[in-house]
Amino acid sequence: MTWTPHATVAVVVEDESGRFLMVEERSNGRVVYNQPAGHIEEDEAILDAVRRETLEETGWRVEPAHFLGIYTYKAPANGVTYYRFCYAALARERVTDRLDDGIIAAHWLSLDEIRALGRKLRSPLVLRCIEDYRSGRRYPLEVVVDRQTQTP
């Protein structure tokens, strides 16, 4: 058996009123809520994945501002281990209403509304990333360097 972890990004975006950009989506036959998140594509720079996934899932153009951390999660449904590179980003503008397949809608929700979702959160990491962000966790973007973003 070959172990094949999945590399993903997740994005915490807070607006000026303290609400967070969330994605309502279908996953394994359930409707769940998540940050904008998804797999890093082959040869894609991580920050490009942050921008792309957020745009595809929410219609919002964002600019990464801080790195929050790498979170590890083994999904009980499929046994896959996910490495989630989580970032905080600033919302710049909504540019489209067209969303990825499987995405029901993008919502701006308060922290209390997110906590009330309970088991409707896609994984425990959704709330954990927001709480880490709210606690002040912030690292410079340069903490994570991939070959596409290295300068000579």
N, C-alpha and C. Protein backbone atom coordinates (compact mmCIF):
# COMPACT_ATOMS: atom_id res chain seq x y z
N MET A 1 0.84 -1.18 0.00
CA MET A 1 0.00 0.00 0.00
C MET A 1 0.89 1.25 0.00
N THR A 2 0.58 2.20 -0.86
CA THR A 2 1.34 3.44 -0.96
C THR A 2 0.59 4.55 -0.26
N TRP A 3 1.30 5.24 0.61
CA TRP A 3 0.70 6.38 1.31
C TRP A 3 0.80 7.60 0.41
N THR A 4 -0.32 8.23 0.11
CA THR A 4 -0.32 9.40 -0.76
C THR A 4 -1.09 10.53 -0.09
N PRO A 5 -0.39 11.36 0.68
CA PRO A 5 -1.07 12.50 1.32
C PRO A 5 -1.50 13.52 0.27
N HIS A 6 -2.48 14.30 0.61
CA HIS A 6 -3.00 15.34 -0.28
C HIS A 6 -2.58 16.71 0.24
N ALA A 7 -2.04 17.54 -0.64
CA ALA A 7 -1.66 18.91 -0.29
C ALA A 7 -2.79 19.84 -0.70
N THR A 8 -3.31 20.59 0.27
CA THR A 8 -4.42 21.49 0.01
C THR A 8 -4.12 22.88 0.58
N VAL A 9 -4.90 23.85 0.13
CA VAL A 9 -4.88 25.18 0.71
C VAL A 9 -6.25 25.46 1.29
N ALA A 10 -6.29 26.33 2.29
CA ALA A 10 -7.54 26.85 2.84
C ALA A 10 -7.31 28.33 3.12
N VAL A 11 -8.39 29.11 3.02
CA VAL A 11 -8.24 30.55 3.09
C VAL A 11 -9.24 31.14 4.08
N VAL A 12 -8.73 31.84 5.09
CA VAL A 12 -9.57 32.57 6.03
C VAL A 12 -9.65 34.01 5.54
N VAL A 13 -10.87 34.45 5.25
CA VAL A 13 -11.10 35.82 4.76
C VAL A 13 -12.14 36.45 5.68
N GLU A 14 -11.74 37.52 6.34
CA GLU A 14 -12.65 38.24 7.24
C GLU A 14 -12.98 39.59 6.63
N ASP A 15 -14.27 39.97 6.68
CA ASP A 15 -14.63 41.30 6.17
C ASP A 15 -14.57 42.32 7.30
N GLU A 16 -14.87 43.56 6.97
CA GLU A 16 -14.75 44.66 7.93
C GLU A 16 -15.73 44.54 9.09
N SER A 17 -16.80 43.75 8.93
CA SER A 17 -17.77 43.59 10.02
C SER A 17 -17.51 42.33 10.86
N GLY A 18 -16.40 41.63 10.59
CA GLY A 18 -16.05 40.46 11.38
C GLY A 18 -16.67 39.16 10.90
N ARG A 19 -17.24 39.18 9.70
CA ARG A 19 -17.80 37.94 9.14
C ARG A 19 -16.73 37.25 8.28
N PHE A 20 -16.88 35.94 8.13
CA PHE A 20 -15.91 35.13 7.40
C PHE A 20 -16.53 34.56 6.14
N LEU A 21 -15.73 34.53 5.09
CA LEU A 21 -16.16 33.98 3.81
C LEU A 21 -16.16 32.46 3.90
N MET A 22 -17.33 31.87 3.70
CA MET A 22 -17.49 30.42 3.82
C MET A 22 -18.13 29.87 2.54
N VAL A 23 -17.88 28.60 2.32
CA VAL A 23 -18.40 27.90 1.15
C VAL A 23 -19.37 26.83 1.63
N GLU A 24 -20.57 26.84 1.08
CA GLU A 24 -21.54 25.77 1.30
C GLU A 24 -21.41 24.83 0.11
N GLU A 25 -21.14 23.56 0.38
CA GLU A 25 -20.83 22.63 -0.72
C GLU A 25 -21.35 21.23 -0.43
N ARG A 26 -21.37 20.42 -1.47
CA ARG A 26 -21.74 19.01 -1.33
C ARG A 26 -20.46 18.19 -1.27
N SER A 27 -20.38 17.30 -0.27
CA SER A 27 -19.22 16.44 -0.12
C SER A 27 -19.68 15.10 0.43
N ASN A 28 -19.40 14.05 -0.30
CA ASN A 28 -19.78 12.70 0.11
C ASN A 28 -21.26 12.59 0.47
N GLY A 29 -22.10 13.21 -0.35
CA GLY A 29 -23.55 13.11 -0.15
C GLY A 29 -24.11 14.02 0.93
N ARG A 30 -23.28 14.87 1.52
CA ARG A 30 -23.73 15.78 2.58
C ARG A 30 -23.53 17.23 2.13
N VAL A 31 -24.33 18.11 2.71
CA VAL A 31 -24.09 19.55 2.55
C VAL A 31 -23.26 19.98 3.74
N VAL A 32 -22.09 20.58 3.46
CA VAL A 32 -21.16 20.98 4.50
C VAL A 32 -20.66 22.39 4.23
N TYR A 33 -19.99 22.95 5.23
CA TYR A 33 -19.42 24.30 5.13
C TYR A 33 -17.92 24.22 5.35
N ASN A 34 -17.21 25.04 4.61
CA ASN A 34 -15.75 25.04 4.65
C ASN A 34 -15.26 26.45 4.32
N GLN A 35 -14.00 26.71 4.60
CA GLN A 35 -13.39 27.89 4.02
C GLN A 35 -13.23 27.60 2.53
N PRO A 36 -12.96 28.64 1.73
CA PRO A 36 -12.52 28.34 0.38
C PRO A 36 -11.28 27.46 0.50
N ALA A 37 -11.28 26.33 -0.17
CA ALA A 37 -10.19 25.38 0.01
C ALA A 37 -10.16 24.40 -1.16
N GLY A 38 -9.00 23.80 -1.36
CA GLY A 38 -8.90 22.78 -2.39
C GLY A 38 -7.48 22.33 -2.60
N HIS A 39 -7.32 21.41 -3.52
CA HIS A 39 -6.02 20.82 -3.79
C HIS A 39 -5.11 21.78 -4.56
N ILE A 40 -3.84 21.69 -4.25
CA ILE A 40 -2.82 22.39 -5.01
C ILE A 40 -2.56 21.55 -6.25
N GLU A 41 -2.64 22.18 -7.40
CA GLU A 41 -2.44 21.46 -8.65
C GLU A 41 -0.96 21.27 -8.94
N GLU A 42 -0.65 20.29 -9.76
CA GLU A 42 0.74 20.01 -10.12
C GLU A 42 1.39 21.26 -10.72
N ASP A 43 2.58 21.58 -10.25
CA ASP A 43 3.37 22.73 -10.71
C ASP A 43 2.74 24.08 -10.38
N GLU A 44 1.75 24.12 -9.51
CA GLU A 44 1.11 25.38 -9.14
C GLU A 44 1.77 25.94 -7.88
N ALA A 45 2.07 27.22 -7.89
CA ALA A 45 2.59 27.88 -6.69
C ALA A 45 1.48 27.90 -5.65
N ILE A 46 1.84 27.72 -4.39
CA ILE A 46 0.84 27.63 -3.32
C ILE A 46 -0.01 28.89 -3.24
N LEU A 47 0.59 30.06 -3.34
CA LEU A 47 -0.20 31.29 -3.28
C LEU A 47 -1.12 31.44 -4.49
N ASP A 48 -0.72 30.90 -5.63
CA ASP A 48 -1.62 30.88 -6.79
C ASP A 48 -2.81 29.97 -6.52
N ALA A 49 -2.59 28.86 -5.81
CA ALA A 49 -3.69 27.97 -5.44
C ALA A 49 -4.66 28.67 -4.49
N VAL A 50 -4.13 29.47 -3.56
CA VAL A 50 -4.96 30.24 -2.64
C VAL A 50 -5.89 31.15 -3.44
N ARG A 51 -5.33 31.89 -4.37
CA ARG A 51 -6.13 32.83 -5.18
C ARG A 51 -7.14 32.08 -6.06
N ARG A 52 -6.68 31.02 -6.73
CA ARG A 52 -7.53 30.27 -7.65
C ARG A 52 -8.70 29.61 -6.94
N GLU A 53 -8.41 28.89 -5.86
CA GLU A 53 -9.48 28.18 -5.15
C GLU A 53 -10.53 29.14 -4.61
N THR A 54 -10.09 30.27 -4.07
CA THR A 54 -11.05 31.24 -3.54
C THR A 54 -11.93 31.79 -4.65
N LEU A 55 -11.33 32.13 -5.77
CA LEU A 55 -12.10 32.66 -6.90
C LEU A 55 -13.07 31.60 -7.43
N GLU A 56 -12.60 30.39 -7.63
CA GLU A 56 -13.45 29.33 -8.18
C GLU A 56 -14.62 28.98 -7.26
N GLU A 57 -14.39 29.00 -5.96
CA GLU A 57 -15.43 28.56 -5.03
C GLU A 57 -16.33 29.67 -4.52
N THR A 58 -15.89 30.92 -4.60
CA THR A 58 -16.68 32.02 -4.03
C THR A 58 -16.97 33.16 -5.00
N GLY A 59 -16.20 33.26 -6.06
CA GLY A 59 -16.32 34.39 -6.98
C GLY A 59 -15.56 35.61 -6.52
N TRP A 60 -14.86 35.52 -5.38
CA TRP A 60 -14.11 36.65 -4.83
C TRP A 60 -12.64 36.57 -5.23
N ARG A 61 -12.09 37.70 -5.63
CA ARG A 61 -10.65 37.83 -5.84
C ARG A 61 -10.06 38.25 -4.50
N VAL A 62 -9.04 37.52 -4.04
CA VAL A 62 -8.41 37.82 -2.75
C VAL A 62 -6.90 37.98 -2.93
N GLU A 63 -6.30 38.60 -1.92
CA GLU A 63 -4.85 38.72 -1.89
C GLU A 63 -4.34 38.15 -0.57
N PRO A 64 -3.53 37.09 -0.64
CA PRO A 64 -2.99 36.50 0.59
C PRO A 64 -2.21 37.55 1.39
N ALA A 65 -2.41 37.55 2.70
CA ALA A 65 -1.76 38.51 3.59
C ALA A 65 -0.83 37.85 4.59
N HIS A 66 -1.23 36.67 5.10
CA HIS A 66 -0.45 35.99 6.13
C HIS A 66 -0.59 34.48 5.98
N PHE A 67 0.42 33.78 6.45
CA PHE A 67 0.38 32.33 6.57
C PHE A 67 -0.06 32.00 7.99
N LEU A 68 -1.02 31.09 8.14
CA LEU A 68 -1.51 30.72 9.48
C LEU A 68 -0.89 29.43 10.00
N GLY A 69 -0.59 28.50 9.11
CA GLY A 69 0.00 27.25 9.57
C GLY A 69 -0.30 26.10 8.64
N ILE A 70 0.34 24.97 8.93
CA ILE A 70 0.06 23.72 8.22
C ILE A 70 -0.69 22.83 9.19
N TYR A 71 -1.83 22.37 8.77
CA TYR A 71 -2.71 21.55 9.60
C TYR A 71 -2.83 20.17 8.96
N THR A 72 -2.77 19.13 9.79
CA THR A 72 -2.86 17.77 9.29
C THR A 72 -4.18 17.16 9.74
N TYR A 73 -4.83 16.48 8.80
CA TYR A 73 -6.13 15.87 9.11
C TYR A 73 -6.26 14.56 8.35
N LYS A 74 -6.62 13.50 9.06
CA LYS A 74 -6.91 12.22 8.42
C LYS A 74 -8.42 12.05 8.40
N ALA A 75 -8.99 12.09 7.21
CA ALA A 75 -10.44 12.04 7.06
C ALA A 75 -10.96 10.64 7.38
N PRO A 76 -11.91 10.54 8.31
CA PRO A 76 -12.43 9.22 8.66
C PRO A 76 -13.21 8.56 7.52
N ALA A 77 -13.81 9.37 6.65
CA ALA A 77 -14.64 8.81 5.57
C ALA A 77 -13.81 8.05 4.55
N ASN A 78 -12.59 8.54 4.25
CA ASN A 78 -11.81 7.89 3.20
C ASN A 78 -10.39 7.51 3.63
N GLY A 79 -9.99 7.87 4.84
CA GLY A 79 -8.67 7.52 5.33
C GLY A 79 -7.53 8.34 4.74
N VAL A 80 -7.84 9.34 3.94
CA VAL A 80 -6.82 10.16 3.31
C VAL A 80 -6.28 11.17 4.32
N THR A 81 -4.96 11.36 4.30
CA THR A 81 -4.32 12.38 5.12
C THR A 81 -4.17 13.64 4.28
N TYR A 82 -4.67 14.75 4.83
CA TYR A 82 -4.59 16.04 4.15
C TYR A 82 -3.62 16.95 4.89
N TYR A 83 -2.75 17.60 4.14
CA TYR A 83 -1.90 18.65 4.67
C TYR A 83 -2.47 19.96 4.15
N ARG A 84 -3.02 20.75 5.07
CA ARG A 84 -3.73 21.98 4.74
C ARG A 84 -2.82 23.17 5.03
N PHE A 85 -2.42 23.85 3.99
CA PHE A 85 -1.67 25.10 4.12
C PHE A 85 -2.71 26.20 4.24
N CYS A 86 -2.83 26.77 5.43
CA CYS A 86 -3.89 27.74 5.67
C CYS A 86 -3.33 29.16 5.66
N TYR A 87 -4.04 30.02 4.97
CA TYR A 87 -3.65 31.42 4.81
C TYR A 87 -4.79 32.34 5.21
N ALA A 88 -4.43 33.55 5.60
CA ALA A 88 -5.40 34.63 5.76
C ALA A 88 -5.24 35.52 4.54
N ALA A 89 -6.37 35.99 4.00
CA ALA A 89 -6.33 36.82 2.81
C ALA A 89 -7.31 37.97 2.94
N LEU A 90 -7.07 38.99 2.14
CA LEU A 90 -7.95 40.16 2.09
C LEU A 90 -8.84 40.05 0.87
N ALA A 91 -10.14 40.28 1.06
CA ALA A 91 -11.08 40.27 -0.06
C ALA A 91 -10.90 41.55 -0.86
N ARG A 92 -10.70 41.43 -2.14
CA ARG A 92 -10.52 42.60 -3.00
C ARG A 92 -11.81 42.97 -3.72
N GLU A 93 -12.42 42.00 -4.42
CA GLU A 93 -13.67 42.27 -5.11
C GLU A 93 -14.32 40.98 -5.55
N ARG A 94 -15.64 41.03 -5.61
CA ARG A 94 -16.37 39.89 -6.15
C ARG A 94 -16.44 40.08 -7.66
N VAL A 95 -15.95 39.11 -8.41
CA VAL A 95 -15.84 39.28 -9.85
C VAL A 95 -16.76 38.36 -10.66
N THR A 96 -17.36 37.37 -10.01
CA THR A 96 -18.24 36.46 -10.74
C THR A 96 -19.23 35.79 -9.79
N ASP A 97 -20.36 35.39 -10.35
CA ASP A 97 -21.34 34.58 -9.62
C ASP A 97 -21.19 33.10 -9.98
N ARG A 98 -20.33 32.80 -10.92
CA ARG A 98 -20.13 31.43 -11.39
C ARG A 98 -19.21 30.69 -10.42
N LEU A 99 -19.69 29.57 -9.87
CA LEU A 99 -18.93 28.82 -8.87
C LEU A 99 -18.66 27.41 -9.36
N ASP A 100 -17.63 26.78 -8.79
CA ASP A 100 -17.26 25.40 -9.12
C ASP A 100 -18.43 24.44 -8.96
N ASP A 101 -18.35 23.33 -9.68
CA ASP A 101 -19.32 22.24 -9.50
C ASP A 101 -19.26 21.77 -8.05
N GLY A 102 -20.39 21.47 -7.49
CA GLY A 102 -20.45 21.00 -6.11
C GLY A 102 -20.59 22.12 -5.10
N ILE A 103 -20.35 23.35 -5.51
CA ILE A 103 -20.49 24.50 -4.62
C ILE A 103 -21.93 25.00 -4.72
N ILE A 104 -22.59 25.09 -3.58
CA ILE A 104 -23.97 25.57 -3.54
C ILE A 104 -23.99 27.09 -3.50
N ALA A 105 -23.19 27.67 -2.60
CA ALA A 105 -23.17 29.12 -2.44
C ALA A 105 -21.98 29.54 -1.59
N ALA A 106 -21.64 30.81 -1.71
CA ALA A 106 -20.66 31.44 -0.83
C ALA A 106 -21.43 32.32 0.15
N HIS A 107 -21.01 32.30 1.41
CA HIS A 107 -21.70 33.06 2.46
C HIS A 107 -20.68 33.83 3.30
N TRP A 108 -21.10 34.97 3.82
CA TRP A 108 -20.33 35.68 4.85
C TRP A 108 -21.03 35.40 6.17
N LEU A 109 -20.35 34.68 7.08
CA LEU A 109 -20.95 34.25 8.35
C LEU A 109 -20.13 34.77 9.53
N SER A 110 -20.84 35.06 10.62
CA SER A 110 -20.16 35.45 11.85
C SER A 110 -19.54 34.22 12.50
N LEU A 111 -18.64 34.44 13.43
CA LEU A 111 -18.03 33.33 14.15
C LEU A 111 -19.10 32.52 14.90
N ASP A 112 -20.07 33.18 15.50
CA ASP A 112 -21.15 32.47 16.20
C ASP A 112 -21.95 31.60 15.23
N GLU A 113 -22.22 32.12 14.04
CA GLU A 113 -22.96 31.33 13.04
C GLU A 113 -22.15 30.12 12.60
N ILE A 114 -20.84 30.29 12.47
CA ILE A 114 -19.97 29.17 12.08
C ILE A 114 -19.93 28.12 13.18
N ARG A 115 -19.78 28.56 14.42
CA ARG A 115 -19.77 27.61 15.54
C ARG A 115 -21.09 26.84 15.61
N ALA A 116 -22.21 27.51 15.32
CA ALA A 116 -23.52 26.86 15.38
C ALA A 116 -23.69 25.79 14.30
N LEU A 117 -22.86 25.79 13.28
CA LEU A 117 -22.96 24.77 12.23
C LEU A 117 -22.54 23.39 12.75
N GLY A 118 -21.70 23.36 13.76
CA GLY A 118 -21.30 22.09 14.39
C GLY A 118 -20.87 21.04 13.41
N ARG A 119 -21.63 19.95 13.33
CA ARG A 119 -21.27 18.81 12.49
C ARG A 119 -21.43 19.09 10.99
N LYS A 120 -21.98 20.25 10.65
CA LYS A 120 -22.07 20.62 9.24
C LYS A 120 -20.76 21.19 8.71
N LEU A 121 -19.79 21.41 9.59
CA LEU A 121 -18.47 21.86 9.13
C LEU A 121 -17.78 20.67 8.47
N ARG A 122 -17.11 20.92 7.38
CA ARG A 122 -16.49 19.83 6.61
C ARG A 122 -15.49 19.03 7.44
N SER A 123 -14.74 19.72 8.29
CA SER A 123 -13.81 19.04 9.20
C SER A 123 -13.61 19.94 10.41
N PRO A 124 -13.02 19.40 11.48
CA PRO A 124 -12.72 20.23 12.64
C PRO A 124 -11.71 21.34 12.34
N LEU A 125 -10.96 21.20 11.24
CA LEU A 125 -9.97 22.21 10.90
C LEU A 125 -10.59 23.53 10.48
N VAL A 126 -11.83 23.52 10.03
CA VAL A 126 -12.49 24.75 9.60
C VAL A 126 -12.53 25.75 10.76
N LEU A 127 -13.08 25.32 11.87
CA LEU A 127 -13.18 26.20 13.05
C LEU A 127 -11.80 26.44 13.65
N ARG A 128 -10.95 25.44 13.66
CA ARG A 128 -9.60 25.58 14.23
C ARG A 128 -8.81 26.67 13.52
N CYS A 129 -8.88 26.72 12.20
CA CYS A 129 -8.16 27.76 11.44
C CYS A 129 -8.69 29.14 11.77
N ILE A 130 -10.00 29.28 11.86
CA ILE A 130 -10.59 30.58 12.18
C ILE A 130 -10.20 31.00 13.60
N GLU A 131 -10.26 30.07 14.54
CA GLU A 131 -9.90 30.41 15.92
C GLU A 131 -8.43 30.77 16.04
N ASP A 132 -7.56 30.08 15.30
CA ASP A 132 -6.14 30.44 15.31
C ASP A 132 -5.95 31.84 14.74
N TYR A 133 -6.66 32.14 13.67
CA TYR A 133 -6.60 33.48 13.08
C TYR A 133 -7.08 34.52 14.09
N ARG A 134 -8.20 34.26 14.74
CA ARG A 134 -8.76 35.21 15.71
C ARG A 134 -7.85 35.39 16.92
N SER A 135 -7.07 34.38 17.25
CA SER A 135 -6.16 34.48 18.40
C SER A 135 -4.91 35.30 18.06
N GLY A 136 -4.78 35.69 16.80
CA GLY A 136 -3.65 36.52 16.40
C GLY A 136 -2.53 35.78 15.69
N ARG A 137 -2.71 34.51 15.42
CA ARG A 137 -1.67 33.76 14.71
C ARG A 137 -1.50 34.36 13.31
N ARG A 138 -0.28 34.77 13.02
CA ARG A 138 0.05 35.35 11.71
C ARG A 138 1.54 35.14 11.47
N TYR A 139 1.87 34.62 10.31
CA TYR A 139 3.27 34.48 9.91
C TYR A 139 3.43 35.15 8.55
N PRO A 140 4.64 35.64 8.27
CA PRO A 140 4.87 36.24 6.95
C PRO A 140 4.67 35.20 5.85
N LEU A 141 4.22 35.65 4.70
CA LEU A 141 4.01 34.74 3.57
C LEU A 141 5.30 34.02 3.19
N GLU A 142 6.44 34.65 3.43
CA GLU A 142 7.73 34.07 3.04
C GLU A 142 8.11 32.85 3.87
N VAL A 143 7.34 32.52 4.91
CA VAL A 143 7.63 31.33 5.71
C VAL A 143 7.56 30.08 4.84
N VAL A 144 6.65 30.07 3.89
CA VAL A 144 6.51 28.94 2.98
C VAL A 144 7.05 29.39 1.63
N VAL A 145 8.10 28.73 1.19
CA VAL A 145 8.71 29.07 -0.09
C VAL A 145 8.58 27.87 -1.01
N ASP A 146 7.98 28.09 -2.17
CA ASP A 146 7.98 27.02 -3.17
C ASP A 146 8.79 27.50 -4.36
N ARG A 147 9.15 26.61 -5.23
CA ARG A 147 10.09 26.96 -6.29
C ARG A 147 9.57 28.04 -7.22
N GLN A 148 8.25 28.20 -7.33
CA GLN A 148 7.72 29.25 -8.20
C GLN A 148 7.89 30.64 -7.60
N THR A 149 8.01 30.74 -6.28
CA THR A 149 8.08 32.05 -5.66
C THR A 149 9.49 32.42 -5.19
N GLN A 150 10.45 31.55 -5.37
CA GLN A 150 11.82 31.86 -4.96
C GLN A 150 12.41 32.91 -5.89
N THR A 151 13.15 33.82 -5.30
CA THR A 151 13.84 34.82 -6.12
C THR A 151 15.30 34.45 -6.22
N PRO A 152 15.91 34.70 -7.38
CA PRO A 152 17.33 34.33 -7.56
C PRO A 152 18.25 35.16 -6.69
